[in-house]
Amino acid sequence: MERGTVGSANRGRLRVAVRTEGQSEIVTPAGELDHHTAELLREPLDHALEAGRTRLVIDCSALEFCDSTGLNVLLGARLKAEAAGGGVHLAGMQPVVARVFEITGAEAVFSVHESLDDALDE
């Protein structure tokens, strides 16, 4: 299910698809995750957690950009998921997005996987 699109062609857009597979809620943001679009990712993450889905897998393979606001959305979801006995798994990060996590040290607090299949197999 696609949750929404924000932005213009010039400022970038973010689309977020959500599906459930086994024990995992798979959230796939595509485009640019920044202060203009972060709410489009926060909403489905919060909804999943409220519904009791505590194993969140973020398929980052189509994520082209992530700024500090996007990182904070993911960190917030991680705290909520871990408090409920689950976690947030990041899968398939593009180098430009992975670099944000490396620079900030945030990669150390997430389960990071090379691919979505790897994250689902864990």
PDB file of N, CA and C in Angstrom:
ATOM      1  N   MET A   1       0.854  -1.168   0.000  1.00  0.00           N
ATOM      2  CA  MET A   1       0.000   0.000   0.000  1.00  0.00           C
ATOM      3  C   MET A   1       0.896   1.226   0.000  1.00  0.00           C
ATOM      4  N   GLU A   2       0.684   2.128  -0.922  1.00  0.00           N
ATOM      5  CA  GLU A   2       1.471   3.341  -0.967  1.00  0.00           C
ATOM      6  C   GLU A   2       0.801   4.384  -0.094  1.00  0.00           C
ATOM      7  N   ARG A   3       1.571   4.999   0.789  1.00  0.00           N
ATOM      8  CA  ARG A   3       1.019   5.941   1.760  1.00  0.00           C
ATOM      9  C   ARG A   3       0.903   7.360   1.243  1.00  0.00           C
ATOM     10  N   GLY A   4       1.834   7.795   0.407  1.00  0.00           N
ATOM     11  CA  GLY A   4       1.698   9.162  -0.065  1.00  0.00           C
ATOM     12  C   GLY A   4       2.931   9.670  -0.762  1.00  0.00           C
ATOM     13  N   THR A   5       2.793  10.854  -1.323  1.00  0.00           N
ATOM     14  CA  THR A   5       3.878  11.513  -2.014  1.00  0.00           C
ATOM     15  C   THR A   5       3.842  12.979  -1.619  1.00  0.00           C
ATOM     16  N   VAL A   6       5.008  13.532  -1.378  1.00  0.00           N
ATOM     17  CA  VAL A   6       5.107  14.932  -0.998  1.00  0.00           C
ATOM     18  C   VAL A   6       6.173  15.580  -1.853  1.00  0.00           C
ATOM     19  N   GLY A   7       6.052  16.874  -2.087  1.00  0.00           N
ATOM     20  CA  GLY A   7       7.111  17.604  -2.767  1.00  0.00           C
ATOM     21  C   GLY A   7       6.775  17.888  -4.209  1.00  0.00           C
ATOM     22  N   SER A   8       7.702  18.536  -4.856  1.00  0.00           N
ATOM     23  CA  SER A   8       7.548  18.839  -6.272  1.00  0.00           C
ATOM     24  C   SER A   8       8.686  18.159  -7.014  1.00  0.00           C
ATOM     25  N   ALA A   9       8.624  18.195  -8.316  1.00  0.00           N
ATOM     26  CA  ALA A   9       9.685  17.562  -9.103  1.00  0.00           C
ATOM     27  C   ALA A   9      11.039  18.196  -8.797  1.00  0.00           C
ATOM     28  N   ASN A  10      11.047  19.477  -8.471  1.00  0.00           N
ATOM     29  CA  ASN A  10      12.300  20.159  -8.192  1.00  0.00           C
ATOM     30  C   ASN A  10      12.838  19.859  -6.797  1.00  0.00           C
ATOM     31  N   ARG A  11      11.987  19.632  -5.827  1.00  0.00           N
ATOM     32  CA  ARG A  11      12.419  19.453  -4.450  1.00  0.00           C
ATOM     33  C   ARG A  11      12.519  17.996  -4.051  1.00  0.00           C
ATOM     34  N   GLY A  12      12.158  17.112  -4.915  1.00  0.00           N
ATOM     35  CA  GLY A  12      12.217  15.699  -4.584  1.00  0.00           C
ATOM     36  C   GLY A  12      10.892  15.220  -4.023  1.00  0.00           C
ATOM     37  N   ARG A  13      10.739  13.927  -4.004  1.00  0.00           N
ATOM     38  CA  ARG A  13       9.505  13.329  -3.519  1.00  0.00           C
ATOM     39  C   ARG A  13       9.860  12.105  -2.720  1.00  0.00           C
ATOM     40  N   LEU A  14       8.934  11.706  -1.888  1.00  0.00           N
ATOM     41  CA  LEU A  14       9.095  10.465  -1.144  1.00  0.00           C
ATOM     42  C   LEU A  14       7.803   9.684  -1.259  1.00  0.00           C
ATOM     43  N   ARG A  15       7.938   8.433  -1.627  1.00  0.00           N
ATOM     44  CA  ARG A  15       6.812   7.510  -1.635  1.00  0.00           C
ATOM     45  C   ARG A  15       7.134   6.445  -0.597  1.00  0.00           C
ATOM     46  N   VAL A  16       6.135   6.015   0.131  1.00  0.00           N
ATOM     47  CA  VAL A  16       6.346   4.998   1.159  1.00  0.00           C
ATOM     48  C   VAL A  16       5.335   3.877   0.953  1.00  0.00           C
ATOM     49  N   ALA A  17       5.851   2.694   0.726  1.00  0.00           N
ATOM     50  CA  ALA A  17       5.006   1.506   0.590  1.00  0.00           C
ATOM     51  C   ALA A  17       5.174   0.663   1.850  1.00  0.00           C
ATOM     52  N   VAL A  18       4.086  -0.003   2.251  1.00  0.00           N
ATOM     53  CA  VAL A  18       4.101  -0.815   3.476  1.00  0.00           C
ATOM     54  C   VAL A  18       3.460  -2.161   3.182  1.00  0.00           C
ATOM     55  N   ARG A  19       4.106  -3.224   3.670  1.00  0.00           N
ATOM     56  CA  ARG A  19       3.502  -4.552   3.560  1.00  0.00           C
ATOM     57  C   ARG A  19       3.976  -5.394   4.733  1.00  0.00           C
ATOM     58  N   THR A  20       3.217  -6.415   5.038  1.00  0.00           N
ATOM     59  CA  THR A  20       3.564  -7.326   6.116  1.00  0.00           C
ATOM     60  C   THR A  20       3.993  -8.649   5.508  1.00  0.00           C
ATOM     61  N   GLU A  21       5.115  -9.163   6.005  1.00  0.00           N
ATOM     62  CA  GLU A  21       5.598 -10.466   5.565  1.00  0.00           C
ATOM     63  C   GLU A  21       6.055 -11.222   6.806  1.00  0.00           C
ATOM     64  N   GLY A  22       5.328 -12.267   7.155  1.00  0.00           N
ATOM     65  CA  GLY A  22       5.648 -13.013   8.369  1.00  0.00           C
ATOM     66  C   GLY A  22       5.554 -12.119   9.585  1.00  0.00           C
ATOM     67  N   GLN A  23       6.612 -12.075  10.371  1.00  0.00           N
ATOM     68  CA  GLN A  23       6.649 -11.248  11.574  1.00  0.00           C
ATOM     69  C   GLN A  23       7.129  -9.827  11.304  1.00  0.00           C
ATOM     70  N   SER A  24       7.442  -9.527  10.060  1.00  0.00           N
ATOM     71  CA  SER A  24       8.038  -8.238   9.721  1.00  0.00           C
ATOM     72  C   SER A  24       7.057  -7.301   9.045  1.00  0.00           C
ATOM     73  N   GLU A  25       7.119  -6.054   9.452  1.00  0.00           N
ATOM     74  CA  GLU A  25       6.428  -4.981   8.743  1.00  0.00           C
ATOM     75  C   GLU A  25       7.498  -4.354   7.856  1.00  0.00           C
ATOM     76  N   ILE A  26       7.327  -4.460   6.545  1.00  0.00           N
ATOM     77  CA  ILE A  26       8.321  -3.946   5.605  1.00  0.00           C
ATOM     78  C   ILE A  26       7.861  -2.576   5.129  1.00  0.00           C
ATOM     79  N   VAL A  27       8.704  -1.585   5.380  1.00  0.00           N
ATOM     80  CA  VAL A  27       8.411  -0.213   4.995  1.00  0.00           C
ATOM     81  C   VAL A  27       9.461   0.190   3.963  1.00  0.00           C
ATOM     82  N   THR A  28       8.988   0.613   2.795  1.00  0.00           N
ATOM     83  CA  THR A  28       9.898   0.927   1.695  1.00  0.00           C
ATOM     84  C   THR A  28       9.752   2.391   1.291  1.00  0.00           C
ATOM     85  N   PRO A  29      10.650   3.241   1.790  1.00  0.00           N
ATOM     86  CA  PRO A  29      10.653   4.629   1.330  1.00  0.00           C
ATOM     87  C   PRO A  29      11.426   4.725   0.011  1.00  0.00           C
ATOM     88  N   ALA A  30      10.891   5.482  -0.922  1.00  0.00           N
ATOM     89  CA  ALA A  30      11.558   5.662  -2.218  1.00  0.00           C
ATOM     90  C   ALA A  30      11.637   7.154  -2.511  1.00  0.00           C
ATOM     91  N   GLY A  31      12.833   7.626  -2.777  1.00  0.00           N
ATOM     92  CA  GLY A  31      13.027   9.044  -3.061  1.00  0.00           C
ATOM     93  C   GLY A  31      13.907   9.691  -2.025  1.00  0.00           C
ATOM     94  N   GLU A  32      13.541  10.902  -1.600  1.00  0.00           N
ATOM     95  CA  GLU A  32      14.341  11.689  -0.682  1.00  0.00           C
ATOM     96  C   GLU A  32      13.639  11.834   0.660  1.00  0.00           C
ATOM     97  N   LEU A  33      14.339  11.429   1.715  1.00  0.00           N
ATOM     98  CA  LEU A  33      13.826  11.520   3.079  1.00  0.00           C
ATOM     99  C   LEU A  33      14.495  12.719   3.739  1.00  0.00           C
ATOM    100  N   ASP A  34      13.716  13.782   3.938  1.00  0.00           N
ATOM    101  CA  ASP A  34      14.270  14.996   4.538  1.00  0.00           C
ATOM    102  C   ASP A  34      13.186  15.684   5.359  1.00  0.00           C
ATOM    103  N   HIS A  35      13.467  16.900   5.801  1.00  0.00           N
ATOM    104  CA  HIS A  35      12.504  17.582   6.679  1.00  0.00           C
ATOM    105  C   HIS A  35      11.174  17.870   5.995  1.00  0.00           C
ATOM    106  N   HIS A  36      11.136  17.883   4.670  1.00  0.00           N
ATOM    107  CA  HIS A  36       9.879  18.096   3.951  1.00  0.00           C
ATOM    108  C   HIS A  36       9.039  16.819   3.871  1.00  0.00           C
ATOM    109  N   THR A  37       9.686  15.657   3.931  1.00  0.00           N
ATOM    110  CA  THR A  37       8.994  14.397   3.661  1.00  0.00           C
ATOM    111  C   THR A  37       8.991  13.413   4.831  1.00  0.00           C
ATOM    112  N   ALA A  38       9.684  13.737   5.910  1.00  0.00           N
ATOM    113  CA  ALA A  38       9.864  12.788   7.016  1.00  0.00           C
ATOM    114  C   ALA A  38       8.548  12.287   7.600  1.00  0.00           C
ATOM    115  N   GLU A  39       7.544  13.123   7.620  1.00  0.00           N
ATOM    116  CA  GLU A  39       6.255  12.721   8.206  1.00  0.00           C
ATOM    117  C   GLU A  39       5.637  11.563   7.430  1.00  0.00           C
ATOM    118  N   LEU A  40       5.916  11.462   6.134  1.00  0.00           N
ATOM    119  CA  LEU A  40       5.392  10.352   5.338  1.00  0.00           C
ATOM    120  C   LEU A  40       5.986   9.013   5.769  1.00  0.00           C
ATOM    121  N   LEU A  41       7.157   9.031   6.352  1.00  0.00           N
ATOM    122  CA  LEU A  41       7.746   7.804   6.878  1.00  0.00           C
ATOM    123  C   LEU A  41       7.348   7.580   8.330  1.00  0.00           C
ATOM    124  N   ARG A  42       7.295   8.652   9.106  1.00  0.00           N
ATOM    125  CA  ARG A  42       6.944   8.533  10.523  1.00  0.00           C
ATOM    126  C   ARG A  42       5.555   7.906  10.708  1.00  0.00           C
ATOM    127  N   GLU A  43       4.590   8.309   9.903  1.00  0.00           N
ATOM    128  CA  GLU A  43       3.210   7.834  10.062  1.00  0.00           C
ATOM    129  C   GLU A  43       3.091   6.313   9.941  1.00  0.00           C
ATOM    130  N   PRO A  44       3.603   5.684   8.879  1.00  0.00           N
ATOM    131  CA  PRO A  44       3.450   4.230   8.809  1.00  0.00           C
ATOM    132  C   PRO A  44       4.271   3.487   9.862  1.00  0.00           C
ATOM    133  N   LEU A  45       5.403   4.048  10.282  1.00  0.00           N
ATOM    134  CA  LEU A  45       6.181   3.411  11.347  1.00  0.00           C
ATOM    135  C   LEU A  45       5.404   3.445  12.659  1.00  0.00           C
ATOM    136  N   ASP A  46       4.845   4.610  12.983  1.00  0.00           N
ATOM    137  CA  ASP A  46       4.034   4.728  14.197  1.00  0.00           C
ATOM    138  C   ASP A  46       2.809   3.821  14.136  1.00  0.00           C
ATOM    139  N   HIS A  47       2.167   3.777  12.975  1.00  0.00           N
ATOM    140  CA  HIS A  47       0.976   2.943  12.806  1.00  0.00           C
ATOM    141  C   HIS A  47       1.315   1.471  13.035  1.00  0.00           C
ATOM    142  N   ALA A  48       2.430   1.023  12.473  1.00  0.00           N
ATOM    143  CA  ALA A  48       2.846  -0.376  12.638  1.00  0.00           C
ATOM    144  C   ALA A  48       3.090  -0.691  14.106  1.00  0.00           C
ATOM    145  N   LEU A  49       3.779   0.200  14.793  1.00  0.00           N
ATOM    146  CA  LEU A  49       4.070  -0.023  16.212  1.00  0.00           C
ATOM    147  C   LEU A  49       2.792  -0.024  17.045  1.00  0.00           C
ATOM    148  N   GLU A  50       1.875   0.884  16.746  1.00  0.00           N
ATOM    149  CA  GLU A  50       0.596   0.932  17.459  1.00  0.00           C
ATOM    150  C   GLU A  50      -0.212  -0.336  17.231  1.00  0.00           C
ATOM    151  N   ALA A  51      -0.033  -0.958  16.078  1.00  0.00           N
ATOM    152  CA  ALA A  51      -0.744  -2.196  15.746  1.00  0.00           C
ATOM    153  C   ALA A  51      -0.036  -3.429  16.305  1.00  0.00           C
ATOM    154  N   GLY A  52       1.070  -3.215  17.030  1.00  0.00           N
ATOM    155  CA  GLY A  52       1.776  -4.330  17.638  1.00  0.00           C
ATOM    156  C   GLY A  52       2.834  -4.964  16.765  1.00  0.00           C
ATOM    157  N   ARG A  53       3.141  -4.362  15.640  1.00  0.00           N
ATOM    158  CA  ARG A  53       4.197  -4.867  14.748  1.00  0.00           C
ATOM    159  C   ARG A  53       5.514  -4.264  15.224  1.00  0.00           C
ATOM    160  N   THR A  54       6.342  -5.040  15.893  1.00  0.00           N
ATOM    161  CA  THR A  54       7.551  -4.486  16.494  1.00  0.00           C
ATOM    162  C   THR A  54       8.825  -4.835  15.731  1.00  0.00           C
ATOM    163  N   ARG A  55       8.732  -5.670  14.710  1.00  0.00           N
ATOM    164  CA  ARG A  55       9.900  -5.964  13.868  1.00  0.00           C
ATOM    165  C   ARG A  55       9.727  -5.186  12.574  1.00  0.00           C
ATOM    166  N   LEU A  56      10.387  -4.041  12.516  1.00  0.00           N
ATOM    167  CA  LEU A  56      10.263  -3.148  11.377  1.00  0.00           C
ATOM    168  C   LEU A  56      11.479  -3.310  10.481  1.00  0.00           C
ATOM    169  N   VAL A  57      11.235  -3.593   9.219  1.00  0.00           N
ATOM    170  CA  VAL A  57      12.311  -3.708   8.240  1.00  0.00           C
ATOM    171  C   VAL A  57      12.143  -2.548   7.263  1.00  0.00           C
ATOM    172  N   ILE A  58      13.164  -1.694   7.226  1.00  0.00           N
ATOM    173  CA  ILE A  58      13.141  -0.560   6.312  1.00  0.00           C
ATOM    174  C   ILE A  58      13.960  -0.944   5.084  1.00  0.00           C
ATOM    175  N   ASP A  59      13.283  -1.111   3.969  1.00  0.00           N
ATOM    176  CA  ASP A  59      13.950  -1.436   2.701  1.00  0.00           C
ATOM    177  C   ASP A  59      14.431  -0.121   2.101  1.00  0.00           C
ATOM    178  N   CYS A  60      15.712   0.161   2.255  1.00  0.00           N
ATOM    179  CA  CYS A  60      16.305   1.435   1.833  1.00  0.00           C
ATOM    180  C   CYS A  60      16.821   1.416   0.401  1.00  0.00           C
ATOM    181  N   SER A  61      16.560   0.364  -0.336  1.00  0.00           N
ATOM    182  CA  SER A  61      17.157   0.210  -1.667  1.00  0.00           C
ATOM    183  C   SER A  61      16.740   1.301  -2.648  1.00  0.00           C
ATOM    184  N   ALA A  62      15.595   1.926  -2.448  1.00  0.00           N
ATOM    185  CA  ALA A  62      15.138   2.999  -3.344  1.00  0.00           C
ATOM    186  C   ALA A  62      15.240   4.377  -2.690  1.00  0.00           C
ATOM    187  N   LEU A  63      15.887   4.430  -1.519  1.00  0.00           N
ATOM    188  CA  LEU A  63      16.065   5.702  -0.816  1.00  0.00           C
ATOM    189  C   LEU A  63      17.300   6.396  -1.385  1.00  0.00           C
ATOM    190  N   GLU A  64      17.097   7.585  -1.947  1.00  0.00           N
ATOM    191  CA  GLU A  64      18.165   8.305  -2.637  1.00  0.00           C
ATOM    192  C   GLU A  64      18.894   9.295  -1.741  1.00  0.00           C
ATOM    193  N   PHE A  65      18.259   9.702  -0.634  1.00  0.00           N
ATOM    194  CA  PHE A  65      18.834  10.724   0.234  1.00  0.00           C
ATOM    195  C   PHE A  65      18.183  10.619   1.600  1.00  0.00           C
ATOM    196  N   CYS A  66      18.955  10.878   2.647  1.00  0.00           N
ATOM    197  CA  CYS A  66      18.419  10.914   4.004  1.00  0.00           C
ATOM    198  C   CYS A  66      19.170  11.987   4.781  1.00  0.00           C
ATOM    199  N   ASP A  67      18.441  12.954   5.337  1.00  0.00           N
ATOM    200  CA  ASP A  67      19.088  13.975   6.151  1.00  0.00           C
ATOM    201  C   ASP A  67      18.864  13.674   7.630  1.00  0.00           C
ATOM    202  N   SER A  68      19.250  14.594   8.490  1.00  0.00           N
ATOM    203  CA  SER A  68      19.162  14.360   9.930  1.00  0.00           C
ATOM    204  C   SER A  68      17.721  14.191  10.404  1.00  0.00           C
ATOM    205  N   THR A  69      16.770  14.832   9.748  1.00  0.00           N
ATOM    206  CA  THR A  69      15.367  14.659  10.134  1.00  0.00           C
ATOM    207  C   THR A  69      14.920  13.232   9.859  1.00  0.00           C
ATOM    208  N   GLY A  70      15.287  12.699   8.708  1.00  0.00           N
ATOM    209  CA  GLY A  70      14.966  11.315   8.388  1.00  0.00           C
ATOM    210  C   GLY A  70      15.635  10.350   9.334  1.00  0.00           C
ATOM    211  N   LEU A  71      16.883  10.623   9.659  1.00  0.00           N
ATOM    212  CA  LEU A  71      17.606   9.798  10.620  1.00  0.00           C
ATOM    213  C   LEU A  71      16.902   9.809  11.969  1.00  0.00           C
ATOM    214  N   ASN A  72      16.438  10.964  12.393  1.00  0.00           N
ATOM    215  CA  ASN A  72      15.722  11.059  13.674  1.00  0.00           C
ATOM    216  C   ASN A  72      14.413  10.278  13.669  1.00  0.00           C
ATOM    217  N   VAL A  73      13.724  10.244  12.543  1.00  0.00           N
ATOM    218  CA  VAL A  73      12.500   9.436  12.436  1.00  0.00           C
ATOM    219  C   VAL A  73      12.838   7.964  12.665  1.00  0.00           C
ATOM    220  N   LEU A  74      13.908   7.503  12.039  1.00  0.00           N
ATOM    221  CA  LEU A  74      14.314   6.103  12.191  1.00  0.00           C
ATOM    222  C   LEU A  74      14.796   5.805  13.607  1.00  0.00           C
ATOM    223  N   LEU A  75      15.532   6.732  14.197  1.00  0.00           N
ATOM    224  CA  LEU A  75      15.991   6.540  15.579  1.00  0.00           C
ATOM    225  C   LEU A  75      14.815   6.496  16.548  1.00  0.00           C
ATOM    226  N   GLY A  76      13.823   7.352  16.328  1.00  0.00           N
ATOM    227  CA  GLY A  76      12.628   7.342  17.174  1.00  0.00           C
ATOM    228  C   GLY A  76      11.870   6.032  17.057  1.00  0.00           C
ATOM    229  N   ALA A  77      11.733   5.529  15.842  1.00  0.00           N
ATOM    230  CA  ALA A  77      11.060   4.243  15.633  1.00  0.00           C
ATOM    231  C   ALA A  77      11.837   3.119  16.304  1.00  0.00           C
ATOM    232  N   ARG A  78      13.159   3.194  16.239  1.00  0.00           N
ATOM    233  CA  ARG A  78      14.004   2.184  16.880  1.00  0.00           C
ATOM    234  C   ARG A  78      13.766   2.148  18.387  1.00  0.00           C
ATOM    235  N   LEU A  79      13.728   3.306  19.011  1.00  0.00           N
ATOM    236  CA  LEU A  79      13.499   3.357  20.458  1.00  0.00           C
ATOM    237  C   LEU A  79      12.145   2.761  20.829  1.00  0.00           C
ATOM    238  N   LYS A  80      11.115   3.116  20.072  1.00  0.00           N
ATOM    239  CA  LYS A  80       9.770   2.589  20.345  1.00  0.00           C
ATOM    240  C   LYS A  80       9.711   1.081  20.109  1.00  0.00           C
ATOM    241  N   ALA A  81      10.314   0.624  19.021  1.00  0.00           N
ATOM    242  CA  ALA A  81      10.294  -0.808  18.705  1.00  0.00           C
ATOM    243  C   ALA A  81      11.046  -1.602  19.774  1.00  0.00           C
ATOM    244  N   GLU A  82      12.211  -1.120  20.177  1.00  0.00           N
ATOM    245  CA  GLU A  82      12.986  -1.834  21.196  1.00  0.00           C
ATOM    246  C   GLU A  82      12.274  -1.839  22.545  1.00  0.00           C
ATOM    247  N   ALA A  83      11.593  -0.756  22.876  1.00  0.00           N
ATOM    248  CA  ALA A  83      10.838  -0.707  24.131  1.00  0.00           C
ATOM    249  C   ALA A  83       9.724  -1.742  24.134  1.00  0.00           C
ATOM    250  N   ALA A  84       9.230  -2.088  22.938  1.00  0.00           N
ATOM    251  CA  ALA A  84       8.159  -3.087  22.811  1.00  0.00           C
ATOM    252  C   ALA A  84       8.714  -4.485  22.545  1.00  0.00           C
ATOM    253  N   GLY A  85      10.036  -4.648  22.639  1.00  0.00           N
ATOM    254  CA  GLY A  85      10.640  -5.959  22.456  1.00  0.00           C
ATOM    255  C   GLY A  85      11.038  -6.294  21.030  1.00  0.00           C
ATOM    256  N   GLY A  86      11.035  -5.311  20.148  1.00  0.00           N
ATOM    257  CA  GLY A  86      11.371  -5.555  18.753  1.00  0.00           C
ATOM    258  C   GLY A  86      12.610  -4.804  18.326  1.00  0.00           C
ATOM    259  N   GLY A  87      12.621  -4.378  17.077  1.00  0.00           N
ATOM    260  CA  GLY A  87      13.758  -3.640  16.555  1.00  0.00           C
ATOM    261  C   GLY A  87      13.514  -3.140  15.160  1.00  0.00           C
ATOM    262  N   VAL A  88      14.439  -2.317  14.698  1.00  0.00           N
ATOM    263  CA  VAL A  88      14.389  -1.769  13.352  1.00  0.00           C
ATOM    264  C   VAL A  88      15.589  -2.306  12.586  1.00  0.00           C
ATOM    265  N   HIS A  89      15.319  -2.864  11.426  1.00  0.00           N
ATOM    266  CA  HIS A  89      16.343  -3.427  10.558  1.00  0.00           C
ATOM    267  C   HIS A  89      16.396  -2.594   9.282  1.00  0.00           C
ATOM    268  N   LEU A  90      17.597  -2.157   8.912  1.00  0.00           N
ATOM    269  CA  LEU A  90      17.785  -1.386   7.692  1.00  0.00           C
ATOM    270  C   LEU A  90      18.381  -2.294   6.629  1.00  0.00           C
ATOM    271  N   ALA A  91      17.828  -2.264   5.439  1.00  0.00           N
ATOM    272  CA  ALA A  91      18.265  -3.181   4.389  1.00  0.00           C
ATOM    273  C   ALA A  91      18.551  -2.440   3.089  1.00  0.00           C
ATOM    274  N   GLY A  92      19.611  -2.855   2.418  1.00  0.00           N
ATOM    275  CA  GLY A  92      19.888  -2.397   1.061  1.00  0.00           C
ATOM    276  C   GLY A  92      20.199  -0.922   0.919  1.00  0.00           C
ATOM    277  N   MET A  93      20.920  -0.349   1.871  1.00  0.00           N
ATOM    278  CA  MET A  93      21.211   1.088   1.794  1.00  0.00           C
ATOM    279  C   MET A  93      22.148   1.420   0.639  1.00  0.00           C
ATOM    280  N   GLN A  94      21.788   2.459  -0.098  1.00  0.00           N
ATOM    281  CA  GLN A  94      22.658   3.001  -1.133  1.00  0.00           C
ATOM    282  C   GLN A  94      23.836   3.688  -0.450  1.00  0.00           C
ATOM    283  N   PRO A  95      24.997   3.775  -1.111  1.00  0.00           N
ATOM    284  CA  PRO A  95      26.178   4.380  -0.482  1.00  0.00           C
ATOM    285  C   PRO A  95      25.956   5.785   0.083  1.00  0.00           C
ATOM    286  N   VAL A  96      25.205   6.619  -0.621  1.00  0.00           N
ATOM    287  CA  VAL A  96      24.992   7.989  -0.146  1.00  0.00           C
ATOM    288  C   VAL A  96      24.192   8.003   1.159  1.00  0.00           C
ATOM    289  N   VAL A  97      23.270   7.090   1.314  1.00  0.00           N
ATOM    290  CA  VAL A  97      22.479   6.995   2.543  1.00  0.00           C
ATOM    291  C   VAL A  97      23.304   6.323   3.637  1.00  0.00           C
ATOM    292  N   ALA A  98      24.024   5.275   3.289  1.00  0.00           N
ATOM    293  CA  ALA A  98      24.866   4.585   4.268  1.00  0.00           C
ATOM    294  C   ALA A  98      25.886   5.544   4.864  1.00  0.00           C
ATOM    295  N   ARG A  99      26.372   6.469   4.072  1.00  0.00           N
ATOM    296  CA  ARG A  99      27.372   7.428   4.553  1.00  0.00           C
ATOM    297  C   ARG A  99      26.826   8.277   5.699  1.00  0.00           C
ATOM    298  N   VAL A 100      25.575   8.675   5.646  1.00  0.00           N
ATOM    299  CA  VAL A 100      24.958   9.450   6.729  1.00  0.00           C
ATOM    300  C   VAL A 100      24.996   8.647   8.027  1.00  0.00           C
ATOM    301  N   PHE A 101      24.687   7.375   7.930  1.00  0.00           N
ATOM    302  CA  PHE A 101      24.690   6.516   9.114  1.00  0.00           C
ATOM    303  C   PHE A 101      26.108   6.300   9.637  1.00  0.00           C
ATOM    304  N   GLU A 102      27.071   6.203   8.724  1.00  0.00           N
ATOM    305  CA  GLU A 102      28.471   6.038   9.127  1.00  0.00           C
ATOM    306  C   GLU A 102      28.991   7.284   9.829  1.00  0.00           C
ATOM    307  N   ILE A 103      28.760   8.441   9.238  1.00  0.00           N
ATOM    308  CA  ILE A 103      29.267   9.704   9.776  1.00  0.00           C
ATOM    309  C   ILE A 103      28.707   9.965  11.175  1.00  0.00           C
ATOM    310  N   THR A 104      27.435   9.677  11.364  1.00  0.00           N
ATOM    311  CA  THR A 104      26.780   9.964  12.651  1.00  0.00           C
ATOM    312  C   THR A 104      26.978   8.852  13.678  1.00  0.00           C
ATOM    313  N   GLY A 105      27.445   7.706  13.233  1.00  0.00           N
ATOM    314  CA  GLY A 105      27.588   6.570  14.139  1.00  0.00           C
ATOM    315  C   GLY A 105      26.291   5.811  14.343  1.00  0.00           C
ATOM    316  N   ALA A 106      25.240   6.219  13.645  1.00  0.00           N
ATOM    317  CA  ALA A 106      23.928   5.591  13.838  1.00  0.00           C
ATOM    318  C   ALA A 106      23.895   4.147  13.339  1.00  0.00           C
ATOM    319  N   GLU A 107      24.790   3.783  12.442  1.00  0.00           N
ATOM    320  CA  GLU A 107      24.794   2.400  11.952  1.00  0.00           C
ATOM    321  C   GLU A 107      25.042   1.415  13.088  1.00  0.00           C
ATOM    322  N   ALA A 108      25.686   1.872  14.161  1.00  0.00           N
ATOM    323  CA  ALA A 108      26.000   0.989  15.287  1.00  0.00           C
ATOM    324  C   ALA A 108      24.768   0.620  16.114  1.00  0.00           C
ATOM    325  N   VAL A 109      23.693   1.390  16.002  1.00  0.00           N
ATOM    326  CA  VAL A 109      22.512   1.117  16.829  1.00  0.00           C
ATOM    327  C   VAL A 109      21.392   0.425  16.059  1.00  0.00           C
ATOM    328  N   PHE A 110      21.585   0.223  14.764  1.00  0.00           N
ATOM    329  CA  PHE A 110      20.605  -0.476  13.947  1.00  0.00           C
ATOM    330  C   PHE A 110      21.159  -1.826  13.513  1.00  0.00           C
ATOM    331  N   SER A 111      20.264  -2.747  13.197  1.00  0.00           N
ATOM    332  CA  SER A 111      20.663  -3.969  12.503  1.00  0.00           C
ATOM    333  C   SER A 111      20.680  -3.612  11.026  1.00  0.00           C
ATOM    334  N   VAL A 112      21.863  -3.662  10.420  1.00  0.00           N
ATOM    335  CA  VAL A 112      22.038  -3.269   9.024  1.00  0.00           C
ATOM    336  C   VAL A 112      22.296  -4.521   8.193  1.00  0.00           C
ATOM    337  N   HIS A 113      21.562  -4.648   7.099  1.00  0.00           N
ATOM    338  CA  HIS A 113      21.643  -5.828   6.234  1.00  0.00           C
ATOM    339  C   HIS A 113      21.934  -5.391   4.805  1.00  0.00           C
ATOM    340  N   GLU A 114      22.668  -6.241   4.085  1.00  0.00           N
ATOM    341  CA  GLU A 114      23.007  -5.942   2.690  1.00  0.00           C
ATOM    342  C   GLU A 114      21.771  -5.862   1.802  1.00  0.00           C
ATOM    343  N   SER A 115      20.781  -6.719   2.082  1.00  0.00           N
ATOM    344  CA  SER A 115      19.595  -6.775   1.218  1.00  0.00           C
ATOM    345  C   SER A 115      18.345  -7.020   2.059  1.00  0.00           C
ATOM    346  N   LEU A 116      17.203  -6.811   1.431  1.00  0.00           N
ATOM    347  CA  LEU A 116      15.938  -7.093   2.089  1.00  0.00           C
ATOM    348  C   LEU A 116      15.837  -8.566   2.420  1.00  0.00           C
ATOM    349  N   ASP A 117      16.255  -9.439   1.513  1.00  0.00           N
ATOM    350  CA  ASP A 117      16.216 -10.873   1.782  1.00  0.00           C
ATOM    351  C   ASP A 117      17.030 -11.234   3.020  1.00  0.00           C
ATOM    352  N   ASP A 118      18.216 -10.625   3.159  1.00  0.00           N
ATOM    353  CA  ASP A 118      19.040 -10.872   4.347  1.00  0.00           C
ATOM    354  C   ASP A 118      18.315 -10.450   5.624  1.00  0.00           C
ATOM    355  N   ALA A 119      17.664  -9.312   5.574  1.00  0.00           N
ATOM    356  CA  ALA A 119      16.946  -8.810   6.754  1.00  0.00           C
ATOM    357  C   ALA A 119      15.777  -9.726   7.109  1.00  0.00           C
ATOM    358  N   LEU A 120      15.106 -10.247   6.113  1.00  0.00           N
ATOM    359  CA  LEU A 120      13.952 -11.122   6.356  1.00  0.00           C
ATOM    360  C   LEU A 120      14.382 -12.503   6.812  1.00  0.00           C
ATOM    361  N   ASP A 121      15.579 -12.920   6.419  1.00  0.00           N
ATOM    362  CA  ASP A 121      16.076 -14.247   6.806  1.00  0.00           C
ATOM    363  C   ASP A 121      16.557 -14.301   8.250  1.00  0.00           C
ATOM    364  N   GLU A 122      16.838 -13.159   8.837  1.00  0.00           N
ATOM    365  CA  GLU A 122      17.365 -13.133  10.196  1.00  0.00           C
ATOM    366  C   GLU A 122      16.352 -13.589  11.215  1.00  0.00           C
TER     367      GLU A 122
END
